[in-house]
PDB file of all heavy atoms in Angstrom:
ATOM      1  N   VAL A   1       2.880  16.057  -3.183  1.00  0.00           N
ATOM      2  CA  VAL A   1       2.586  15.349  -4.497  1.00  0.00           C
ATOM      3  C   VAL A   1       3.830  14.635  -4.970  1.00  0.00           C
ATOM      4  O   VAL A   1       4.980  15.182  -4.933  1.00  0.00           O
ATOM      5  CB  VAL A   1       2.186  16.389  -5.516  1.00  0.00           C
ATOM      6  CG1 VAL A   1       2.024  15.766  -6.901  1.00  0.00           C
ATOM      7  CG2 VAL A   1       0.854  17.035  -5.122  1.00  0.00           C
ATOM      8  N   ASN A   2       3.621  13.373  -5.474  1.00  0.00           N
ATOM      9  CA  ASN A   2       4.716  12.576  -6.072  1.00  0.00           C
ATOM     10  C   ASN A   2       5.203  13.087  -7.386  1.00  0.00           C
ATOM     11  O   ASN A   2       4.482  13.924  -7.993  1.00  0.00           O
ATOM     12  CB  ASN A   2       4.361  11.118  -6.071  1.00  0.00           C
ATOM     13  CG  ASN A   2       3.149  10.828  -6.984  1.00  0.00           C
ATOM     14  OD1 ASN A   2       3.070  11.455  -8.111  1.00  0.00           O
ATOM     15  ND2 ASN A   2       2.248  10.001  -6.670  1.00  0.00           N
ATOM     16  N   GLU A   3       6.361  12.568  -7.813  1.00  0.00           N
ATOM     17  CA  GLU A   3       6.921  13.144  -9.049  1.00  0.00           C
ATOM     18  C   GLU A   3       6.066  12.764 -10.318  1.00  0.00           C
ATOM     19  O   GLU A   3       6.220  13.432 -11.321  1.00  0.00           O
ATOM     20  CB  GLU A   3       8.363  12.606  -9.204  1.00  0.00           C
ATOM     21  CG  GLU A   3       8.518  11.084  -9.261  1.00  0.00           C
ATOM     22  CD  GLU A   3       8.592  10.443  -7.936  1.00  0.00           C
ATOM     23  OE1 GLU A   3       8.360  11.089  -6.968  1.00  0.00           O
ATOM     24  OE2 GLU A   3       8.850   9.303  -7.864  1.00  0.00           O
ATOM     25  N   ILE A   4       5.277  11.720 -10.176  1.00  0.00           N
ATOM     26  CA  ILE A   4       4.376  11.299 -11.282  1.00  0.00           C
ATOM     27  C   ILE A   4       3.237  12.292 -11.446  1.00  0.00           C
ATOM     28  O   ILE A   4       2.776  12.438 -12.579  1.00  0.00           O
ATOM     29  CB  ILE A   4       3.921   9.840 -11.087  1.00  0.00           C
ATOM     30  CG1 ILE A   4       5.125   8.926 -10.940  1.00  0.00           C
ATOM     31  CG2 ILE A   4       3.037   9.453 -12.217  1.00  0.00           C
ATOM     32  CD1 ILE A   4       4.685   7.505 -10.560  1.00  0.00           C
ATOM     33  N   GLY A   5       2.784  12.857 -10.327  1.00  0.00           N
ATOM     34  CA  GLY A   5       1.696  13.731 -10.394  1.00  0.00           C
ATOM     35  C   GLY A   5       0.314  13.051 -10.571  1.00  0.00           C
ATOM     36  O   GLY A   5      -0.682  13.669 -10.890  1.00  0.00           O
ATOM     37  N   ILE A   6       0.256  11.769 -10.231  1.00  0.00           N
ATOM     38  CA  ILE A   6      -0.968  10.977 -10.259  1.00  0.00           C
ATOM     39  C   ILE A   6      -1.243  10.311  -8.909  1.00  0.00           C
ATOM     40  O   ILE A   6      -0.269   9.756  -8.413  1.00  0.00           O
ATOM     41  CB  ILE A   6      -1.005   9.953 -11.389  1.00  0.00           C
ATOM     42  CG1 ILE A   6      -0.832  10.665 -12.774  1.00  0.00           C
ATOM     43  CG2 ILE A   6      -2.306   9.140 -11.402  1.00  0.00           C
ATOM     44  CD1 ILE A   6      -0.614   9.749 -13.846  1.00  0.00           C
ATOM     45  N   ALA A   7      -2.393  10.340  -8.395  1.00  0.00           N
ATOM     46  CA  ALA A   7      -2.605   9.805  -7.045  1.00  0.00           C
ATOM     47  C   ALA A   7      -2.974   8.336  -7.178  1.00  0.00           C
ATOM     48  O   ALA A   7      -3.720   7.914  -8.043  1.00  0.00           O
ATOM     49  CB  ALA A   7      -3.791  10.567  -6.336  1.00  0.00           C
ATOM     50  N   CYS A   8      -2.542   7.553  -6.140  1.00  0.00           N
ATOM     51  CA  CYS A   8      -3.030   6.225  -5.961  1.00  0.00           C
ATOM     52  C   CYS A   8      -4.549   6.358  -5.540  1.00  0.00           C
ATOM     53  O   CYS A   8      -4.933   7.282  -4.901  1.00  0.00           O
ATOM     54  CB  CYS A   8      -2.304   5.480  -4.864  1.00  0.00           C
ATOM     55  SG  CYS A   8      -0.577   5.099  -5.289  1.00  0.00           S
ATOM     56  N   ASN A   9      -5.348   5.436  -6.022  1.00  0.00           N
ATOM     57  CA  ASN A   9      -6.799   5.532  -5.745  1.00  0.00           C
ATOM     58  C   ASN A   9      -7.357   4.175  -5.160  1.00  0.00           C
ATOM     59  O   ASN A   9      -8.118   3.527  -5.905  1.00  0.00           O
ATOM     60  CB  ASN A   9      -7.450   5.915  -7.130  1.00  0.00           C
ATOM     61  CG  ASN A   9      -8.815   6.436  -6.943  1.00  0.00           C
ATOM     62  OD1 ASN A   9      -9.452   6.349  -5.870  1.00  0.00           O
ATOM     63  ND2 ASN A   9      -9.358   6.998  -8.052  1.00  0.00           N
ATOM     64  N   PRO A  10      -6.996   3.916  -3.968  1.00  0.00           N
ATOM     65  CA  PRO A  10      -7.494   2.660  -3.408  1.00  0.00           C
ATOM     66  C   PRO A  10      -8.970   2.574  -3.227  1.00  0.00           C
ATOM     67  O   PRO A  10      -9.628   1.499  -3.278  1.00  0.00           O
ATOM     68  CB  PRO A  10      -6.707   2.584  -2.017  1.00  0.00           C
ATOM     69  CG  PRO A  10      -6.418   3.976  -1.720  1.00  0.00           C
ATOM     70  CD  PRO A  10      -6.189   4.654  -3.025  1.00  0.00           C
ATOM     71  N   LEU A  11      -9.627   3.701  -3.073  1.00  0.00           N
ATOM     72  CA  LEU A  11     -11.057   3.674  -2.897  1.00  0.00           C
ATOM     73  C   LEU A  11     -11.762   3.286  -4.228  1.00  0.00           C
ATOM     74  O   LEU A  11     -12.735   2.488  -4.203  1.00  0.00           O
ATOM     75  CB  LEU A  11     -11.607   5.039  -2.491  1.00  0.00           C
ATOM     76  CG  LEU A  11     -11.125   5.651  -1.177  1.00  0.00           C
ATOM     77  CD1 LEU A  11     -11.811   6.958  -0.824  1.00  0.00           C
ATOM     78  CD2 LEU A  11     -11.330   4.615  -0.017  1.00  0.00           C
ATOM     79  N   ALA A  12     -11.216   3.751  -5.302  1.00  0.00           N
ATOM     80  CA  ALA A  12     -11.780   3.322  -6.613  1.00  0.00           C
ATOM     81  C   ALA A  12     -11.497   1.905  -6.868  1.00  0.00           C
ATOM     82  O   ALA A  12     -12.326   1.151  -7.420  1.00  0.00           O
ATOM     83  CB  ALA A  12     -11.131   4.163  -7.722  1.00  0.00           C
ATOM     84  N   GLN A  13     -10.282   1.387  -6.503  1.00  0.00           N
ATOM     85  CA  GLN A  13     -10.028  -0.074  -6.597  1.00  0.00           C
ATOM     86  C   GLN A  13     -11.039  -0.903  -5.922  1.00  0.00           C
ATOM     87  O   GLN A  13     -11.567  -1.851  -6.400  1.00  0.00           O
ATOM     88  CB  GLN A  13      -8.554  -0.365  -6.037  1.00  0.00           C
ATOM     89  CG  GLN A  13      -7.441   0.222  -6.896  1.00  0.00           C
ATOM     90  CD  GLN A  13      -6.051  -0.073  -6.276  1.00  0.00           C
ATOM     91  OE1 GLN A  13      -5.777   0.413  -5.216  1.00  0.00           O
ATOM     92  NE2 GLN A  13      -5.303  -0.904  -6.891  1.00  0.00           N
ATOM     93  N   ALA A  14     -11.347  -0.527  -4.658  1.00  0.00           N
ATOM     94  CA  ALA A  14     -12.290  -1.287  -3.874  1.00  0.00           C
ATOM     95  C   ALA A  14     -13.656  -1.194  -4.511  1.00  0.00           C
ATOM     96  O   ALA A  14     -14.400  -2.213  -4.575  1.00  0.00           O
ATOM     97  CB  ALA A  14     -12.301  -0.735  -2.402  1.00  0.00           C
ATOM     98  N   GLU A  15     -14.124   0.052  -4.853  1.00  0.00           N
ATOM     99  CA  GLU A  15     -15.529   0.220  -5.304  1.00  0.00           C
ATOM    100  C   GLU A  15     -15.692  -0.406  -6.603  1.00  0.00           C
ATOM    101  O   GLU A  15     -16.847  -0.942  -6.893  1.00  0.00           O
ATOM    102  CB  GLU A  15     -15.806   1.719  -5.346  1.00  0.00           C
ATOM    103  CG  GLU A  15     -15.912   2.363  -3.919  1.00  0.00           C
ATOM    104  CD  GLU A  15     -16.949   1.765  -3.071  1.00  0.00           C
ATOM    105  OE1 GLU A  15     -17.938   1.228  -3.590  1.00  0.00           O
ATOM    106  OE2 GLU A  15     -16.774   1.867  -1.836  1.00  0.00           O
ATOM    107  N   ILE A  16     -14.713  -0.417  -7.530  1.00  0.00           N
ATOM    108  CA  ILE A  16     -14.848  -1.153  -8.825  1.00  0.00           C
ATOM    109  C   ILE A  16     -15.059  -2.575  -8.527  1.00  0.00           C
ATOM    110  O   ILE A  16     -15.907  -3.263  -9.157  1.00  0.00           O
ATOM    111  CB  ILE A  16     -13.624  -0.878  -9.676  1.00  0.00           C
ATOM    112  CG1 ILE A  16     -13.670   0.579 -10.216  1.00  0.00           C
ATOM    113  CG2 ILE A  16     -13.606  -1.788 -10.852  1.00  0.00           C
ATOM    114  CD1 ILE A  16     -12.372   1.019 -10.858  1.00  0.00           C
ATOM    115  N   MET A  17     -14.358  -3.141  -7.642  1.00  0.00           N
ATOM    116  CA  MET A  17     -14.425  -4.542  -7.311  1.00  0.00           C
ATOM    117  C   MET A  17     -15.779  -4.906  -6.657  1.00  0.00           C
ATOM    118  O   MET A  17     -16.434  -5.921  -6.980  1.00  0.00           O
ATOM    119  CB  MET A  17     -13.267  -5.051  -6.510  1.00  0.00           C
ATOM    120  CG  MET A  17     -11.950  -5.082  -7.156  1.00  0.00           C
ATOM    121  SD  MET A  17     -10.537  -5.621  -6.171  1.00  0.00           S
ATOM    122  CE  MET A  17      -9.172  -5.238  -7.280  1.00  0.00           C
ATOM    123  N   ASN A  18     -16.184  -3.955  -5.841  1.00  0.00           N
ATOM    124  CA  ASN A  18     -17.521  -4.158  -5.226  1.00  0.00           C
ATOM    125  C   ASN A  18     -18.578  -4.201  -6.316  1.00  0.00           C
ATOM    126  O   ASN A  18     -19.504  -5.054  -6.295  1.00  0.00           O
ATOM    127  CB  ASN A  18     -17.898  -2.951  -4.275  1.00  0.00           C
ATOM    128  CG  ASN A  18     -16.958  -2.949  -3.065  1.00  0.00           C
ATOM    129  OD1 ASN A  18     -16.363  -3.989  -2.699  1.00  0.00           O
ATOM    130  ND2 ASN A  18     -16.949  -1.811  -2.345  1.00  0.00           N
ATOM    131  N   GLN A  19     -18.479  -3.287  -7.315  1.00  0.00           N
ATOM    132  CA  GLN A  19     -19.476  -3.186  -8.378  1.00  0.00           C
ATOM    133  C   GLN A  19     -19.386  -4.391  -9.272  1.00  0.00           C
ATOM    134  O   GLN A  19     -20.393  -4.944  -9.746  1.00  0.00           O
ATOM    135  CB  GLN A  19     -19.310  -1.913  -9.159  1.00  0.00           C
ATOM    136  CG  GLN A  19     -20.423  -1.728 -10.261  1.00  0.00           C
ATOM    137  CD  GLN A  19     -20.310  -0.373 -10.872  1.00  0.00           C
ATOM    138  OE1 GLN A  19     -20.194   0.677 -10.166  1.00  0.00           O
ATOM    139  NE2 GLN A  19     -20.404  -0.260 -12.133  1.00  0.00           N
ATOM    140  N   GLU A  20     -18.243  -4.947  -9.426  1.00  0.00           N
ATOM    141  CA  GLU A  20     -18.009  -6.144 -10.305  1.00  0.00           C
ATOM    142  C   GLU A  20     -18.357  -7.409  -9.610  1.00  0.00           C
ATOM    143  O   GLU A  20     -18.405  -8.431 -10.240  1.00  0.00           O
ATOM    144  CB  GLU A  20     -16.579  -6.158 -10.787  1.00  0.00           C
ATOM    145  CG  GLU A  20     -16.157  -5.056 -11.820  1.00  0.00           C
ATOM    146  CD  GLU A  20     -16.914  -5.199 -13.100  1.00  0.00           C
ATOM    147  OE1 GLU A  20     -16.705  -6.331 -13.658  1.00  0.00           O
ATOM    148  OE2 GLU A  20     -17.633  -4.321 -13.480  1.00  0.00           O
ATOM    149  N   GLY A  21     -18.623  -7.301  -8.312  1.00  0.00           N
ATOM    150  CA  GLY A  21     -19.083  -8.514  -7.586  1.00  0.00           C
ATOM    151  C   GLY A  21     -17.991  -9.570  -7.300  1.00  0.00           C
ATOM    152  O   GLY A  21     -18.283 -10.721  -7.297  1.00  0.00           O
ATOM    153  N   THR A  22     -16.788  -9.115  -7.054  1.00  0.00           N
ATOM    154  CA  THR A  22     -15.788 -10.074  -6.616  1.00  0.00           C
ATOM    155  C   THR A  22     -16.091 -10.723  -5.306  1.00  0.00           C
ATOM    156  O   THR A  22     -16.727 -10.096  -4.427  1.00  0.00           O
ATOM    157  CB  THR A  22     -14.359  -9.357  -6.469  1.00  0.00           C
ATOM    158  OG1 THR A  22     -14.443  -8.315  -5.617  1.00  0.00           O
ATOM    159  CG2 THR A  22     -13.945  -8.839  -7.878  1.00  0.00           C
ATOM    160  N   GLU A  23     -15.699 -11.980  -5.194  1.00  0.00           N
ATOM    161  CA  GLU A  23     -16.022 -12.754  -3.947  1.00  0.00           C
ATOM    162  C   GLU A  23     -14.786 -12.844  -3.019  1.00  0.00           C
ATOM    163  O   GLU A  23     -14.941 -13.172  -1.823  1.00  0.00           O
ATOM    164  CB  GLU A  23     -16.459 -14.183  -4.359  1.00  0.00           C
ATOM    165  CG  GLU A  23     -17.654 -14.223  -5.273  1.00  0.00           C
ATOM    166  CD  GLU A  23     -17.784 -15.487  -6.008  1.00  0.00           C
ATOM    167  OE1 GLU A  23     -17.182 -15.579  -7.148  1.00  0.00           O
ATOM    168  OE2 GLU A  23     -18.434 -16.430  -5.523  1.00  0.00           O
ATOM    169  N   LEU A  24     -13.655 -12.554  -3.538  1.00  0.00           N
ATOM    170  CA  LEU A  24     -12.376 -12.565  -2.667  1.00  0.00           C
ATOM    171  C   LEU A  24     -11.467 -11.525  -3.380  1.00  0.00           C
ATOM    172  O   LEU A  24     -11.302 -11.599  -4.612  1.00  0.00           O
ATOM    173  CB  LEU A  24     -11.817 -13.933  -2.654  1.00  0.00           C
ATOM    174  CG  LEU A  24     -10.391 -14.002  -1.928  1.00  0.00           C
ATOM    175  CD1 LEU A  24     -10.578 -13.716  -0.399  1.00  0.00           C
ATOM    176  CD2 LEU A  24      -9.830 -15.413  -2.141  1.00  0.00           C
ATOM    177  N   ASN A  25     -10.843 -10.648  -2.621  1.00  0.00           N
ATOM    178  CA  ASN A  25      -9.868  -9.742  -3.219  1.00  0.00           C
ATOM    179  C   ASN A  25      -8.469  -9.952  -2.643  1.00  0.00           C
ATOM    180  O   ASN A  25      -8.308 -10.177  -1.451  1.00  0.00           O
ATOM    181  CB  ASN A  25     -10.355  -8.291  -2.906  1.00  0.00           C
ATOM    182  CG  ASN A  25     -11.582  -7.911  -3.652  1.00  0.00           C
ATOM    183  OD1 ASN A  25     -11.825  -8.415  -4.746  1.00  0.00           O
ATOM    184  ND2 ASN A  25     -12.368  -6.982  -3.082  1.00  0.00           N
ATOM    185  N   PHE A  26      -7.523  -9.781  -3.632  1.00  0.00           N
ATOM    186  CA  PHE A  26      -6.073  -9.901  -3.243  1.00  0.00           C
ATOM    187  C   PHE A  26      -5.407  -8.571  -3.398  1.00  0.00           C
ATOM    188  O   PHE A  26      -5.760  -7.813  -4.316  1.00  0.00           O
ATOM    189  CB  PHE A  26      -5.410 -10.899  -4.192  1.00  0.00           C
ATOM    190  CG  PHE A  26      -5.908 -12.339  -4.089  1.00  0.00           C
ATOM    191  CD1 PHE A  26      -6.591 -12.898  -5.128  1.00  0.00           C
ATOM    192  CD2 PHE A  26      -5.682 -13.091  -2.925  1.00  0.00           C
ATOM    193  CE1 PHE A  26      -7.068 -14.196  -5.105  1.00  0.00           C
ATOM    194  CE2 PHE A  26      -6.147 -14.443  -2.890  1.00  0.00           C
ATOM    195  CZ  PHE A  26      -6.828 -14.972  -3.964  1.00  0.00           C
ATOM    196  N   ILE A  27      -4.482  -8.324  -2.503  1.00  0.00           N
ATOM    197  CA  ILE A  27      -3.624  -7.056  -2.573  1.00  0.00           C
ATOM    198  C   ILE A  27      -2.213  -7.550  -3.031  1.00  0.00           C
ATOM    199  O   ILE A  27      -1.651  -8.451  -2.533  1.00  0.00           O
ATOM    200  CB  ILE A  27      -3.505  -6.414  -1.189  1.00  0.00           C
ATOM    201  CG1 ILE A  27      -4.878  -5.770  -0.842  1.00  0.00           C
ATOM    202  CG2 ILE A  27      -2.385  -5.328  -1.275  1.00  0.00           C
ATOM    203  CD1 ILE A  27      -4.804  -5.085   0.560  1.00  0.00           C
ATOM    204  N   TYR A  28      -1.775  -6.859  -4.114  1.00  0.00           N
ATOM    205  CA  TYR A  28      -0.433  -7.058  -4.583  1.00  0.00           C
ATOM    206  C   TYR A  28       0.300  -5.695  -4.484  1.00  0.00           C
ATOM    207  O   TYR A  28       0.295  -4.938  -5.402  1.00  0.00           O
ATOM    208  CB  TYR A  28      -0.298  -7.652  -5.986  1.00  0.00           C
ATOM    209  CG  TYR A  28       0.971  -8.335  -6.236  1.00  0.00           C
ATOM    210  CD1 TYR A  28       1.095  -9.751  -6.213  1.00  0.00           C
ATOM    211  CD2 TYR A  28       2.135  -7.676  -6.278  1.00  0.00           C
ATOM    212  CE1 TYR A  28       2.267 -10.360  -6.406  1.00  0.00           C
ATOM    213  CE2 TYR A  28       3.384  -8.206  -6.473  1.00  0.00           C
ATOM    214  CZ  TYR A  28       3.466  -9.611  -6.499  1.00  0.00           C
ATOM    215  OH  TYR A  28       4.628 -10.278  -6.576  1.00  0.00           O
ATOM    216  N   GLY A  29       0.982  -5.438  -3.363  1.00  0.00           N
ATOM    217  CA  GLY A  29       1.916  -4.376  -3.257  1.00  0.00           C
ATOM    218  C   GLY A  29       1.384  -2.926  -3.101  1.00  0.00           C
ATOM    219  O   GLY A  29       2.025  -2.003  -3.516  1.00  0.00           O
ATOM    220  N   LEU A  30       0.150  -2.799  -2.546  1.00  0.00           N
ATOM    221  CA  LEU A  30      -0.356  -1.482  -2.363  1.00  0.00           C
ATOM    222  C   LEU A  30       0.531  -0.733  -1.264  1.00  0.00           C
ATOM    223  O   LEU A  30       1.008  -1.424  -0.394  1.00  0.00           O
ATOM    224  CB  LEU A  30      -1.770  -1.426  -1.991  1.00  0.00           C
ATOM    225  CG  LEU A  30      -2.781  -2.036  -2.957  1.00  0.00           C
ATOM    226  CD1 LEU A  30      -4.192  -1.756  -2.476  1.00  0.00           C
ATOM    227  CD2 LEU A  30      -2.597  -1.436  -4.320  1.00  0.00           C
ATOM    228  N   CYS A  31       0.558   0.627  -1.295  1.00  0.00           N
ATOM    229  CA  CYS A  31       1.383   1.337  -0.309  1.00  0.00           C
ATOM    230  C   CYS A  31       0.759   1.147   1.046  1.00  0.00           C
ATOM    231  O   CYS A  31      -0.485   0.937   1.190  1.00  0.00           O
ATOM    232  CB  CYS A  31       1.371   2.850  -0.688  1.00  0.00           C
ATOM    233  SG  CYS A  31       2.182   3.269  -2.228  1.00  0.00           S
ATOM    234  N   VAL A  32       1.545   1.294   2.087  1.00  0.00           N
ATOM    235  CA  VAL A  32       1.064   1.290   3.424  1.00  0.00           C
ATOM    236  C   VAL A  32       0.008   2.494   3.604  1.00  0.00           C
ATOM    237  O   VAL A  32       0.329   3.630   3.205  1.00  0.00           O
ATOM    238  CB  VAL A  32       2.188   1.509   4.466  1.00  0.00           C
ATOM    239  CG1 VAL A  32       1.650   1.771   5.917  1.00  0.00           C
ATOM    240  CG2 VAL A  32       3.111   0.315   4.463  1.00  0.00           C
ATOM    241  N   GLY A  33      -1.138   2.226   4.135  1.00  0.00           N
ATOM    242  CA  GLY A  33      -2.155   3.160   4.271  1.00  0.00           C
ATOM    243  C   GLY A  33      -3.129   3.136   3.074  1.00  0.00           C
ATOM    244  O   GLY A  33      -4.352   3.027   3.311  1.00  0.00           O
TER     245      GLY A  33
END
């Protein structure tokens, strides 16, 4: 567990964009993996 105690949530990032109907997605600095 990191010192912040909050998890990165890439699945939620993707699913929110799926639900919002984005046509192209950009990544700005997500962790490897």
